[in-house]
C-alpha cells in the first residue's frame, strides 16, 4: 500500500483499515507460530503499512485540533 492510496481516506476509513491490517498481522503471526507461514516478508510490509496508516491518522487528528494560524507579516 502506498501513501498516495492512504492520503485520500477519511479518519473513519483509516481506523477501519488499521483494524483490518492489525487483524491480518495477528493471523500471520499465528501462522508463523505454527510454521505455516508462506510469505514471511508479508509481516514486514504489513508493519510498514500499519505505520503509514497510523501516521496519517495522527496527522489528521493534529490538523483538526490545531488549525493553521496565519503567518506573521514581514517587517
PDB file of N, CA and C in Angstrom:
ATOM      1  N   UNK A   1       0.838  -1.168   0.000  1.00  0.00           N
ATOM      2  CA  UNK A   1       0.000   0.000   0.000  1.00  0.00           C
ATOM      3  C   UNK A   1       0.889   1.238   0.000  1.00  0.00           C
ATOM      4  N   UNK A   2       0.562   2.155  -0.847  1.00  0.00           N
ATOM      5  CA  UNK A   2       1.347   3.377  -0.948  1.00  0.00           C
ATOM      6  C   UNK A   2       0.646   4.506  -0.214  1.00  0.00           C
ATOM      7  N   UNK A   3       1.438   5.516   0.144  1.00  0.00           N
ATOM      8  CA  UNK A   3       0.877   6.645   0.869  1.00  0.00           C
ATOM      9  C   UNK A   3      -0.158   7.385   0.034  1.00  0.00           C
ATOM     10  N   UNK A   4       0.012   7.385  -1.270  1.00  0.00           N
ATOM     11  CA  UNK A   4      -0.957   8.065  -2.133  1.00  0.00           C
ATOM     12  C   UNK A   4      -2.340   7.421  -2.020  1.00  0.00           C
ATOM     13  N   UNK A   5      -2.397   6.128  -1.730  1.00  0.00           N
ATOM     14  CA  UNK A   5      -3.678   5.446  -1.533  1.00  0.00           C
ATOM     15  C   UNK A   5      -4.287   5.819  -0.190  1.00  0.00           C
ATOM     16  N   UNK A   6      -3.451   6.141   0.775  1.00  0.00           N
ATOM     17  CA  UNK A   6      -3.907   6.420   2.134  1.00  0.00           C
ATOM     18  C   UNK A   6      -4.349   7.864   2.296  1.00  0.00           C
ATOM     19  N   UNK A   7      -3.709   8.787   1.606  1.00  0.00           N
ATOM     20  CA  UNK A   7      -3.937  10.209   1.873  1.00  0.00           C
ATOM     21  C   UNK A   7      -5.350  10.668   1.561  1.00  0.00           C
ATOM     22  N   UNK A   8      -6.085   9.952   0.733  1.00  0.00           N
ATOM     23  CA  UNK A   8      -7.441  10.355   0.374  1.00  0.00           C
ATOM     24  C   UNK A   8      -8.504   9.770   1.299  1.00  0.00           C
ATOM     25  N   UNK A   9      -8.114   8.919   2.234  1.00  0.00           N
ATOM     26  CA  UNK A   9      -9.078   8.275   3.128  1.00  0.00           C
ATOM     27  C   UNK A   9      -9.428   9.185   4.294  1.00  0.00           C
ATOM     28  N   UNK A  10     -10.657   9.032   4.809  1.00  0.00           N
ATOM     29  CA  UNK A  10     -11.088   9.793   5.974  1.00  0.00           C
ATOM     30  C   UNK A  10     -10.577   9.113   7.239  1.00  0.00           C
ATOM     31  N   UNK A  11     -10.753   9.777   8.373  1.00  0.00           N
ATOM     32  CA  UNK A  11     -10.299   9.234   9.646  1.00  0.00           C
ATOM     33  C   UNK A  11     -11.005   7.921   9.981  1.00  0.00           C
ATOM     34  N   UNK A  12     -12.290   7.840   9.683  1.00  0.00           N
ATOM     35  CA  UNK A  12     -13.061   6.620   9.947  1.00  0.00           C
ATOM     36  C   UNK A  12     -12.564   5.477   9.053  1.00  0.00           C
ATOM     37  N   UNK A  13     -12.331   5.780   7.792  1.00  0.00           N
ATOM     38  CA  UNK A  13     -11.831   4.755   6.868  1.00  0.00           C
ATOM     39  C   UNK A  13     -10.433   4.297   7.273  1.00  0.00           C
ATOM     40  N   UNK A  14      -9.612   5.233   7.743  1.00  0.00           N
ATOM     41  CA  UNK A  14      -8.264   4.875   8.193  1.00  0.00           C
ATOM     42  C   UNK A  14      -8.313   3.977   9.425  1.00  0.00           C
ATOM     43  N   UNK A  15      -9.229   4.259  10.334  1.00  0.00           N
ATOM     44  CA  UNK A  15      -9.372   3.427  11.530  1.00  0.00           C
ATOM     45  C   UNK A  15      -9.781   2.006  11.144  1.00  0.00           C
ATOM     46  N   UNK A  16     -10.691   1.891  10.189  1.00  0.00           N
ATOM     47  CA  UNK A  16     -11.121   0.569   9.726  1.00  0.00           C
ATOM     48  C   UNK A  16      -9.965  -0.153   9.033  1.00  0.00           C
ATOM     49  N   UNK A  17      -9.194   0.579   8.242  1.00  0.00           N
ATOM     50  CA  UNK A  17      -8.046  -0.002   7.538  1.00  0.00           C
ATOM     51  C   UNK A  17      -7.010  -0.490   8.539  1.00  0.00           C
ATOM     52  N   UNK A  18      -6.764   0.307   9.569  1.00  0.00           N
ATOM     53  CA  UNK A  18      -5.807  -0.071  10.602  1.00  0.00           C
ATOM     54  C   UNK A  18      -6.255  -1.343  11.312  1.00  0.00           C
ATOM     55  N   UNK A  19      -7.534  -1.411  11.632  1.00  0.00           N
ATOM     56  CA  UNK A  19      -8.072  -2.599  12.298  1.00  0.00           C
ATOM     57  C   UNK A  19      -7.909  -3.834  11.414  1.00  0.00           C
ATOM     58  N   UNK A  20      -8.193  -3.692  10.126  1.00  0.00           N
ATOM     59  CA  UNK A  20      -8.063  -4.810   9.192  1.00  0.00           C
ATOM     60  C   UNK A  20      -6.601  -5.272   9.076  1.00  0.00           C
ATOM     61  N   UNK A  21      -5.689  -4.310   8.981  1.00  0.00           N
ATOM     62  CA  UNK A  21      -4.271  -4.656   8.867  1.00  0.00           C
ATOM     63  C   UNK A  21      -3.768  -5.344  10.121  1.00  0.00           C
ATOM     64  N   UNK A  22      -4.202  -4.861  11.283  1.00  0.00           N
ATOM     65  CA  UNK A  22      -3.784  -5.482  12.541  1.00  0.00           C
ATOM     66  C   UNK A  22      -4.343  -6.901  12.677  1.00  0.00           C
ATOM     67  N   UNK A  23      -5.571  -7.100  12.204  1.00  0.00           N
ATOM     68  CA  UNK A  23      -6.164  -8.439  12.224  1.00  0.00           C
ATOM     69  C   UNK A  23      -5.378  -9.384  11.316  1.00  0.00           C
ATOM     70  N   UNK A  24      -5.004  -8.891  10.147  1.00  0.00           N
ATOM     71  CA  UNK A  24      -4.199  -9.711   9.237  1.00  0.00           C
ATOM     72  C   UNK A  24      -2.841 -10.031   9.844  1.00  0.00           C
ATOM     73  N   UNK A  25      -2.239  -9.053  10.523  1.00  0.00           N
ATOM     74  CA  UNK A  25      -0.956  -9.269  11.181  1.00  0.00           C
ATOM     75  C   UNK A  25      -1.083 -10.354  12.250  1.00  0.00           C
ATOM     76  N   UNK A  26      -2.164 -10.315  13.003  1.00  0.00           N
ATOM     77  CA  UNK A  26      -2.409 -11.330  14.027  1.00  0.00           C
ATOM     78  C   UNK A  26      -2.509 -12.722  13.407  1.00  0.00           C
ATOM     79  N   UNK A  27      -3.260 -12.817  12.305  1.00  0.00           N
ATOM     80  CA  UNK A  27      -3.417 -14.108  11.638  1.00  0.00           C
ATOM     81  C   UNK A  27      -2.077 -14.630  11.119  1.00  0.00           C
ATOM     82  N   UNK A  28      -1.265 -13.736  10.567  1.00  0.00           N
ATOM     83  CA  UNK A  28       0.040 -14.149  10.052  1.00  0.00           C
ATOM     84  C   UNK A  28       0.971 -14.578  11.183  1.00  0.00           C
ATOM     85  N   UNK A  29       0.886 -13.911  12.330  1.00  0.00           N
ATOM     86  CA  UNK A  29       1.712 -14.325  13.467  1.00  0.00           C
ATOM     87  C   UNK A  29       1.316 -15.707  13.963  1.00  0.00           C
ATOM     88  N   UNK A  30       0.012 -16.004  13.926  1.00  0.00           N
ATOM     89  CA  UNK A  30      -0.438 -17.342  14.309  1.00  0.00           C
ATOM     90  C   UNK A  30       0.119 -18.389  13.338  1.00  0.00           C
ATOM     91  N   UNK A  31       0.078 -18.061  12.051  1.00  0.00           N
ATOM     92  CA  UNK A  31       0.627 -18.981  11.051  1.00  0.00           C
ATOM     93  C   UNK A  31       2.127 -19.160  11.256  1.00  0.00           C
ATOM     94  N   UNK A  32       2.813 -18.082  11.604  1.00  0.00           N
ATOM     95  CA  UNK A  32       4.258 -18.161  11.820  1.00  0.00           C
ATOM     96  C   UNK A  32       4.572 -19.050  13.019  1.00  0.00           C
ATOM     97  N   UNK A  33       3.769 -18.942  14.055  1.00  0.00           N
ATOM     98  CA  UNK A  33       3.998 -19.743  15.256  1.00  0.00           C
ATOM     99  C   UNK A  33       3.788 -21.233  14.988  1.00  0.00           C
ATOM    100  N   UNK A  34       2.890 -21.545  14.072  1.00  0.00           N
ATOM    101  CA  UNK A  34       2.634 -22.944  13.760  1.00  0.00           C
ATOM    102  C   UNK A  34       3.393 -23.404  12.513  1.00  0.00           C
ATOM    103  N   UNK A  35       4.369 -22.613  12.081  1.00  0.00           N
ATOM    104  CA  UNK A  35       5.235 -22.930  10.935  1.00  0.00           C
ATOM    105  C   UNK A  35       4.451 -23.142   9.642  1.00  0.00           C
ATOM    106  N   UNK A  36       3.395 -22.376   9.435  1.00  0.00           N
ATOM    107  CA  UNK A  36       2.596 -22.476   8.215  1.00  0.00           C
ATOM    108  C   UNK A  36       2.662 -21.214   7.365  1.00  0.00           C
ATOM    109  N   UNK A  37       3.498 -20.281   7.760  1.00  0.00           N
ATOM    110  CA  UNK A  37       3.571 -19.007   7.051  1.00  0.00           C
ATOM    111  C   UNK A  37       4.315 -19.182   5.733  1.00  0.00           C
ATOM    112  N   UNK A  38       3.646 -18.820   4.619  1.00  0.00           N
ATOM    113  CA  UNK A  38       4.242 -18.986   3.303  1.00  0.00           C
ATOM    114  C   UNK A  38       5.072 -17.784   2.882  1.00  0.00           C
ATOM    115  N   UNK A  39       4.643 -16.586   3.258  1.00  0.00           N
ATOM    116  CA  UNK A  39       5.344 -15.369   2.848  1.00  0.00           C
ATOM    117  C   UNK A  39       5.763 -14.562   4.083  1.00  0.00           C
ATOM    118  N   UNK A  40       6.919 -14.845   4.654  1.00  0.00           N
ATOM    119  CA  UNK A  40       7.351 -14.120   5.849  1.00  0.00           C
ATOM    120  C   UNK A  40       7.567 -12.633   5.604  1.00  0.00           C
ATOM    121  N   UNK A  41       7.853 -12.245   4.382  1.00  0.00           N
ATOM    122  CA  UNK A  41       8.063 -10.832   4.071  1.00  0.00           C
ATOM    123  C   UNK A  41       6.768 -10.034   4.219  1.00  0.00           C
ATOM    124  N   UNK A  42       5.647 -10.703   4.172  1.00  0.00           N
ATOM    125  CA  UNK A  42       4.351 -10.016   4.321  1.00  0.00           C
ATOM    126  C   UNK A  42       4.242  -9.369   5.706  1.00  0.00           C
ATOM    127  N   UNK A  43       4.846  -9.980   6.727  1.00  0.00           N
ATOM    128  CA  UNK A  43       4.835  -9.390   8.070  1.00  0.00           C
ATOM    129  C   UNK A  43       5.514  -8.020   8.052  1.00  0.00           C
ATOM    130  N   UNK A  44       6.613  -7.939   7.359  1.00  0.00           N
ATOM    131  CA  UNK A  44       7.366  -6.687   7.265  1.00  0.00           C
ATOM    132  C   UNK A  44       6.545  -5.614   6.555  1.00  0.00           C
ATOM    133  N   UNK A  45       5.940  -5.971   5.441  1.00  0.00           N
ATOM    134  CA  UNK A  45       5.161  -4.988   4.687  1.00  0.00           C
ATOM    135  C   UNK A  45       3.913  -4.558   5.462  1.00  0.00           C
ATOM    136  N   UNK A  46       3.309  -5.482   6.188  1.00  0.00           N
ATOM    137  CA  UNK A  46       2.143  -5.129   6.995  1.00  0.00           C
ATOM    138  C   UNK A  46       2.519  -4.141   8.089  1.00  0.00           C
ATOM    139  N   UNK A  47       3.650  -4.381   8.714  1.00  0.00           N
ATOM    140  CA  UNK A  47       4.110  -3.483   9.772  1.00  0.00           C
ATOM    141  C   UNK A  47       4.318  -2.074   9.221  1.00  0.00           C
ATOM    142  N   UNK A  48       4.887  -1.984   8.043  1.00  0.00           N
ATOM    143  CA  UNK A  48       5.102  -0.685   7.402  1.00  0.00           C
ATOM    144  C   UNK A  48       3.770  -0.026   7.032  1.00  0.00           C
ATOM    145  N   UNK A  49       2.823  -0.817   6.520  1.00  0.00           N
ATOM    146  CA  UNK A  49       1.515  -0.280   6.154  1.00  0.00           C
ATOM    147  C   UNK A  49       0.773   0.252   7.378  1.00  0.00           C
ATOM    148  N   UNK A  50       0.855  -0.477   8.476  1.00  0.00           N
ATOM    149  CA  UNK A  50       0.212  -0.032   9.711  1.00  0.00           C
ATOM    150  C   UNK A  50       0.822   1.291  10.156  1.00  0.00           C
ATOM    151  N   UNK A  51       2.125   1.416  10.061  1.00  0.00           N
ATOM    152  CA  UNK A  51       2.794   2.660  10.443  1.00  0.00           C
ATOM    153  C   UNK A  51       2.351   3.816   9.548  1.00  0.00           C
ATOM    154  N   UNK A  52       2.190   3.572   8.257  1.00  0.00           N
ATOM    155  CA  UNK A  52       1.731   4.616   7.338  1.00  0.00           C
ATOM    156  C   UNK A  52       0.322   5.091   7.700  1.00  0.00           C
ATOM    157  N   UNK A  53      -0.554   4.126   7.980  1.00  0.00           N
ATOM    158  CA  UNK A  53      -1.936   4.463   8.329  1.00  0.00           C
ATOM    159  C   UNK A  53      -1.974   5.234   9.644  1.00  0.00           C
ATOM    160  N   UNK A  54      -1.239   4.771  10.644  1.00  0.00           N
ATOM    161  CA  UNK A  54      -1.230   5.452  11.939  1.00  0.00           C
ATOM    162  C   UNK A  54      -0.639   6.852  11.825  1.00  0.00           C
ATOM    163  N   UNK A  55       0.371   7.025  10.999  1.00  0.00           N
ATOM    164  CA  UNK A  55       0.970   8.342  10.797  1.00  0.00           C
ATOM    165  C   UNK A  55      -0.038   9.298  10.179  1.00  0.00           C
ATOM    166  N   UNK A  56      -0.764   8.827   9.182  1.00  0.00           N
ATOM    167  CA  UNK A  56      -1.775   9.669   8.537  1.00  0.00           C
ATOM    168  C   UNK A  56      -2.901  10.011   9.503  1.00  0.00           C
ATOM    169  N   UNK A  57      -3.318   9.028  10.323  1.00  0.00           N
ATOM    170  CA  UNK A  57      -4.361   9.279  11.311  1.00  0.00           C
ATOM    171  C   UNK A  57      -3.904  10.346  12.310  1.00  0.00           C
ATOM    172  N   UNK A  58      -2.681  10.257  12.743  1.00  0.00           N
ATOM    173  CA  UNK A  58      -2.131  11.229  13.678  1.00  0.00           C
ATOM    174  C   UNK A  58      -2.091  12.621  13.058  1.00  0.00           C
ATOM    175  N   UNK A  59      -1.689  12.692  11.802  1.00  0.00           N
ATOM    176  CA  UNK A  59      -1.637  13.981  11.113  1.00  0.00           C
ATOM    177  C   UNK A  59      -3.026  14.593  10.987  1.00  0.00           C
ATOM    178  N   UNK A  60      -4.032  13.775  10.681  1.00  0.00           N
ATOM    179  CA  UNK A  60      -5.395  14.279  10.565  1.00  0.00           C
ATOM    180  C   UNK A  60      -5.918  14.765  11.910  1.00  0.00           C
ATOM    181  N   UNK A  61      -5.611  14.028  12.973  1.00  0.00           N
ATOM    182  CA  UNK A  61      -6.040  14.445  14.312  1.00  0.00           C
ATOM    183  C   UNK A  61      -5.385  15.764  14.697  1.00  0.00           C
ATOM    184  N   UNK A  62      -4.083  15.892  14.440  1.00  0.00           N
ATOM    185  CA  UNK A  62      -3.374  17.120  14.778  1.00  0.00           C
ATOM    186  C   UNK A  62      -3.895  18.294  13.963  1.00  0.00           C
ATOM    187  N   UNK A  63      -4.235  18.040  12.727  1.00  0.00           N
ATOM    188  CA  UNK A  63      -4.758  19.087  11.852  1.00  0.00           C
ATOM    189  C   UNK A  63      -6.119  19.562  12.355  1.00  0.00           C
ATOM    190  N   UNK A  64      -6.935  18.654  12.873  1.00  0.00           N
ATOM    191  CA  UNK A  64      -8.257  19.019  13.364  1.00  0.00           C
ATOM    192  C   UNK A  64      -8.166  19.781  14.683  1.00  0.00           C
ATOM    193  N   UNK A  65      -7.188  19.462  15.513  1.00  0.00           N
ATOM    194  CA  UNK A  65      -7.056  20.087  16.821  1.00  0.00           C
ATOM    195  C   UNK A  65      -6.444  21.474  16.722  1.00  0.00           C
ATOM    196  N   UNK A  66      -5.392  21.613  15.933  1.00  0.00           N
ATOM    197  CA  UNK A  66      -4.706  22.899  15.831  1.00  0.00           C
ATOM    198  C   UNK A  66      -4.815  23.420  14.401  1.00  0.00           C
ATOM    199  N   UNK A  67      -5.792  24.290  14.153  1.00  0.00           N
ATOM    200  CA  UNK A  67      -5.891  24.855  12.803  1.00  0.00           C
ATOM    201  C   UNK A  67      -4.674  25.741  12.523  1.00  0.00           C
ATOM    202  N   UNK A  68      -4.330  25.841  11.286  1.00  0.00           N
ATOM    203  CA  UNK A  68      -3.163  26.613  10.879  1.00  0.00           C
ATOM    204  C   UNK A  68      -3.395  28.094  11.136  1.00  0.00           C
ATOM    205  N   UNK A  69      -2.448  28.699  11.846  1.00  0.00           N
ATOM    206  CA  UNK A  69      -2.505  30.136  12.118  1.00  0.00           C
ATOM    207  C   UNK A  69      -1.898  30.887  10.936  1.00  0.00           C
ATOM    208  N   UNK A  70      -2.374  32.077  10.652  1.00  0.00           N
ATOM    209  CA  UNK A  70      -1.780  32.843   9.556  1.00  0.00           C
ATOM    210  C   UNK A  70      -0.343  33.227   9.903  1.00  0.00           C
ATOM    211  N   UNK A  71       0.495  33.309   8.911  1.00  0.00           N
ATOM    212  CA  UNK A  71       1.891  33.684   9.123  1.00  0.00           C
ATOM    213  C   UNK A  71       1.989  35.164   9.455  1.00  0.00           C
ATOM    214  N   UNK A  72       2.927  35.536  10.350  1.00  0.00           N
ATOM    215  CA  UNK A  72       3.067  36.959  10.674  1.00  0.00           C
ATOM    216  C   UNK A  72       3.612  37.729   9.458  1.00  0.00           C
ATOM    217  N   UNK A  73       3.203  38.982   9.379  1.00  0.00           N
ATOM    218  CA  UNK A  73       3.631  39.828   8.261  1.00  0.00           C
ATOM    219  C   UNK A  73       5.112  40.173   8.406  1.00  0.00           C
ATOM    220  N   UNK A  74       5.820  40.222   7.310  1.00  0.00           N
ATOM    221  CA  UNK A  74       7.242  40.570   7.313  1.00  0.00           C
ATOM    222  C   UNK A  74       7.385  42.071   7.516  1.00  0.00           C
ATOM    223  N   UNK A  75       8.406  42.442   8.251  1.00  0.00           N
ATOM    224  CA  UNK A  75       8.633  43.888   8.529  1.00  0.00           C
ATOM    225  C   UNK A  75       9.570  44.507   7.555  1.00  0.00           C
TER     226      UNK A  75
END
